[in-house]
Amino acid sequence: MKKLAFVFLLVAGLCSAQTAPAAETMTAFWARFQAAVGRSDAEAIASMTQLPFLLENKNLDKAGFVKAVPKLFPAKIRACFAKEKLVKDKNGFEIFCGEQMFVFEQAGGKYWFTTLGAND
């Protein structure tokens, strides 16, 4: 009986290991994020953003972030996102658009838009 229980637990463990989602690649994330920015899809951008999002010393929840998307991603920034390449950083990836730096990092097997900063 113990052998049967062990075999059952082993098979159950293997099945759950096979169905666990793989970590998202930056390439896949970037394609989705870039497309959402190009469409000005605030809901999609928010779903790929680590919330709460710190902006101008305020922690924005999803609703606050969605309202801020037009300010964060005006036409000039959307054009930049369409052509600029990501730069690998020790903690993730960055893209530089004029005076702005957009930072993307991985947490929990997924990539997220995490920080907006000054391009210095």
C-alpha atoms as a PDB file:
ATOM      1  CA  MET A   1       0.000   0.000   0.000  1.00  0.00           C
ATOM      2  CA  LYS A   2       2.872   2.370   0.815  1.00  0.00           C
ATOM      3  CA  LYS A   3       4.405   1.686  -2.598  1.00  0.00           C
ATOM      4  CA  LEU A   4       1.098   2.490  -4.296  1.00  0.00           C
ATOM      5  CA  ALA A   5       0.777   5.760  -2.368  1.00  0.00           C
ATOM      6  CA  PHE A   6       4.386   6.669  -3.244  1.00  0.00           C
ATOM      7  CA  VAL A   7       3.787   5.977  -6.956  1.00  0.00           C
ATOM      8  CA  PHE A   8       0.612   8.081  -6.868  1.00  0.00           C
ATOM      9  CA  LEU A   9       2.415  11.008  -5.222  1.00  0.00           C
ATOM     10  CA  LEU A  10       5.300  10.710  -7.677  1.00  0.00           C
ATOM     11  CA  VAL A  11       2.970  10.742 -10.692  1.00  0.00           C
ATOM     12  CA  ALA A  12       0.960  13.655  -9.263  1.00  0.00           C
ATOM     13  CA  GLY A  13       4.161  15.605  -8.675  1.00  0.00           C
ATOM     14  CA  LEU A  14       5.386  14.988 -12.209  1.00  0.00           C
ATOM     15  CA  CYS A  15       2.065  16.051 -13.690  1.00  0.00           C
ATOM     16  CA  SER A  16       1.991  19.295 -11.744  1.00  0.00           C
ATOM     17  CA  ALA A  17       5.606  20.028 -12.646  1.00  0.00           C
ATOM     18  CA  GLN A  18       4.815  19.589 -16.332  1.00  0.00           C
ATOM     19  CA  THR A  19       1.861  21.970 -16.221  1.00  0.00           C
ATOM     20  CA  ALA A  20       3.635  24.762 -14.324  1.00  0.00           C
ATOM     21  CA  PRO A  21       3.853  27.869 -16.509  1.00  0.00           C
ATOM     22  CA  ALA A  22       7.269  28.669 -17.895  1.00  0.00           C
ATOM     23  CA  ALA A  23       8.885  31.964 -17.010  1.00  0.00           C
ATOM     24  CA  GLU A  24       7.990  34.652 -19.519  1.00  0.00           C
ATOM     25  CA  THR A  25      10.769  35.803 -21.822  1.00  0.00           C
ATOM     26  CA  MET A  26      11.573  39.469 -22.149  1.00  0.00           C
ATOM     27  CA  THR A  27      11.060  39.177 -25.907  1.00  0.00           C
ATOM     28  CA  ALA A  28       7.461  38.019 -25.431  1.00  0.00           C
ATOM     29  CA  PHE A  29       6.750  40.640 -22.769  1.00  0.00           C
ATOM     30  CA  TRP A  30       8.298  43.434 -24.830  1.00  0.00           C
ATOM     31  CA  ALA A  31       6.219  42.558 -27.901  1.00  0.00           C
ATOM     32  CA  ARG A  32       3.017  42.743 -25.821  1.00  0.00           C
ATOM     33  CA  PHE A  33       4.025  45.918 -23.976  1.00  0.00           C
ATOM     34  CA  GLN A  34       5.242  47.691 -27.119  1.00  0.00           C
ATOM     35  CA  ALA A  35       1.990  46.844 -28.917  1.00  0.00           C
ATOM     36  CA  ALA A  36      -0.109  48.091 -25.977  1.00  0.00           C
ATOM     37  CA  VAL A  37       1.826  51.379 -25.925  1.00  0.00           C
ATOM     38  CA  GLY A  38       1.385  51.729 -29.695  1.00  0.00           C
ATOM     39  CA  ARG A  39      -2.389  51.326 -29.299  1.00  0.00           C
ATOM     40  CA  SER A  40      -2.487  53.598 -26.215  1.00  0.00           C
ATOM     41  CA  ASP A  41      -4.219  50.709 -24.467  1.00  0.00           C
ATOM     42  CA  ALA A  42      -4.118  51.940 -20.867  1.00  0.00           C
ATOM     43  CA  GLU A  43      -5.746  48.800 -19.442  1.00  0.00           C
ATOM     44  CA  ALA A  44      -3.236  46.505 -21.143  1.00  0.00           C
ATOM     45  CA  ILE A  45      -0.298  48.693 -20.084  1.00  0.00           C
ATOM     46  CA  ALA A  46      -1.597  48.678 -16.495  1.00  0.00           C
ATOM     47  CA  SER A  47      -1.877  44.877 -16.543  1.00  0.00           C
ATOM     48  CA  MET A  48       1.853  44.691 -17.347  1.00  0.00           C
ATOM     49  CA  THR A  49       2.861  47.301 -14.755  1.00  0.00           C
ATOM     50  CA  GLN A  50       3.907  46.536 -11.208  1.00  0.00           C
ATOM     51  CA  LEU A  51       1.330  48.261  -9.039  1.00  0.00           C
ATOM     52  CA  PRO A  52       1.219  50.357  -7.010  1.00  0.00           C
ATOM     53  CA  PHE A  53       3.312  52.501  -9.357  1.00  0.00           C
ATOM     54  CA  LEU A  54       5.298  55.382  -7.882  1.00  0.00           C
ATOM     55  CA  LEU A  55       4.776  58.552  -9.921  1.00  0.00           C
ATOM     56  CA  GLU A  56       5.521  62.061  -8.681  1.00  0.00           C
ATOM     57  CA  ASN A  57       5.737  60.830  -5.076  1.00  0.00           C
ATOM     58  CA  LYS A  58       2.323  59.148  -5.273  1.00  0.00           C
ATOM     59  CA  ASN A  59       1.623  55.415  -5.268  1.00  0.00           C
ATOM     60  CA  LEU A  60      -0.886  54.883  -8.063  1.00  0.00           C
ATOM     61  CA  ASP A  61      -3.300  51.985  -7.974  1.00  0.00           C
ATOM     62  CA  LYS A  62      -4.654  50.565 -11.228  1.00  0.00           C
ATOM     63  CA  ALA A  63      -7.280  53.287 -11.689  1.00  0.00           C
ATOM     64  CA  GLY A  64      -4.759  56.058 -11.005  1.00  0.00           C
ATOM     65  CA  PHE A  65      -2.222  54.489 -13.327  1.00  0.00           C
ATOM     66  CA  VAL A  66      -4.765  54.113 -16.157  1.00  0.00           C
ATOM     67  CA  LYS A  67      -5.549  57.821 -15.853  1.00  0.00           C
ATOM     68  CA  ALA A  68      -1.813  58.645 -16.003  1.00  0.00           C
ATOM     69  CA  VAL A  69      -1.112  56.605 -19.161  1.00  0.00           C
ATOM     70  CA  PRO A  70      -1.759  59.481 -21.639  1.00  0.00           C
ATOM     71  CA  LYS A  71       0.748  61.625 -19.727  1.00  0.00           C
ATOM     72  CA  LEU A  72       3.301  58.803 -19.463  1.00  0.00           C
ATOM     73  CA  PHE A  73       2.997  57.701 -23.094  1.00  0.00           C
ATOM     74  CA  PRO A  74       2.295  60.731 -25.313  1.00  0.00           C
ATOM     75  CA  ALA A  75       2.832  60.502 -29.088  1.00  0.00           C
ATOM     76  CA  LYS A  76       6.567  61.248 -28.842  1.00  0.00           C
ATOM     77  CA  ILE A  77       7.128  58.409 -26.347  1.00  0.00           C
ATOM     78  CA  ARG A  78       4.954  56.003 -28.369  1.00  0.00           C
ATOM     79  CA  ALA A  79       7.095  56.764 -31.443  1.00  0.00           C
ATOM     80  CA  CYS A  80      10.222  56.104 -29.396  1.00  0.00           C
ATOM     81  CA  PHE A  81       8.872  52.770 -28.165  1.00  0.00           C
ATOM     82  CA  ALA A  82       8.197  51.759 -31.767  1.00  0.00           C
ATOM     83  CA  LYS A  83      11.837  52.173 -32.823  1.00  0.00           C
ATOM     84  CA  GLU A  84      14.187  52.096 -29.809  1.00  0.00           C
ATOM     85  CA  LYS A  85      15.825  48.910 -28.567  1.00  0.00           C
ATOM     86  CA  LEU A  86      15.867  47.648 -25.007  1.00  0.00           C
ATOM     87  CA  VAL A  87      19.134  47.870 -23.103  1.00  0.00           C
ATOM     88  CA  LYS A  88      20.045  45.052 -20.687  1.00  0.00           C
ATOM     89  CA  ASP A  89      20.764  46.226 -17.150  1.00  0.00           C
ATOM     90  CA  LYS A  90      21.919  44.153 -14.186  1.00  0.00           C
ATOM     91  CA  ASN A  91      18.374  43.999 -12.768  1.00  0.00           C
ATOM     92  CA  GLY A  92      16.341  43.944 -15.959  1.00  0.00           C
ATOM     93  CA  PHE A  93      15.934  46.044 -19.086  1.00  0.00           C
ATOM     94  CA  GLU A  94      15.608  49.735 -19.892  1.00  0.00           C
ATOM     95  CA  ILE A  95      14.556  51.894 -22.788  1.00  0.00           C
ATOM     96  CA  PHE A  96      15.557  55.525 -23.124  1.00  0.00           C
ATOM     97  CA  CYS A  97      13.233  58.052 -24.753  1.00  0.00           C
ATOM     98  CA  GLY A  98      14.560  61.593 -24.600  1.00  0.00           C
ATOM     99  CA  GLU A  99      14.698  62.616 -20.960  1.00  0.00           C
ATOM    100  CA  GLN A 100      12.828  59.514 -19.759  1.00  0.00           C
ATOM    101  CA  MET A 101      14.054  56.058 -18.786  1.00  0.00           C
ATOM    102  CA  PHE A 102      11.544  53.201 -18.573  1.00  0.00           C
ATOM    103  CA  VAL A 103      12.624  50.191 -16.488  1.00  0.00           C
ATOM    104  CA  PHE A 104      11.359  46.616 -16.791  1.00  0.00           C
ATOM    105  CA  GLU A 105      12.163  43.899 -14.271  1.00  0.00           C
ATOM    106  CA  GLN A 106      11.201  40.306 -13.651  1.00  0.00           C
ATOM    107  CA  ALA A 107       9.275  39.188 -10.568  1.00  0.00           C
ATOM    108  CA  GLY A 108       7.381  35.967 -10.033  1.00  0.00           C
ATOM    109  CA  GLY A 109       8.373  34.572 -13.431  1.00  0.00           C
ATOM    110  CA  LYS A 110       6.935  37.585 -15.290  1.00  0.00           C
ATOM    111  CA  TYR A 111       8.316  40.858 -16.535  1.00  0.00           C
ATOM    112  CA  TRP A 112       6.779  44.140 -15.394  1.00  0.00           C
ATOM    113  CA  PHE A 113       7.089  47.843 -16.136  1.00  0.00           C
ATOM    114  CA  THR A 114       8.459  48.904 -12.761  1.00  0.00           C
ATOM    115  CA  THR A 115      10.008  52.368 -12.854  1.00  0.00           C
ATOM    116  CA  LEU A 116       9.981  55.647 -14.727  1.00  0.00           C
ATOM    117  CA  GLY A 117      13.063  57.761 -14.180  1.00  0.00           C
ATOM    118  CA  ALA A 118      15.239  60.531 -15.546  1.00  0.00           C
ATOM    119  CA  ASN A 119      17.650  59.640 -18.333  1.00  0.00           C
ATOM    120  CA  ASP A 120      20.829  61.004 -16.858  1.00  0.00           C
END
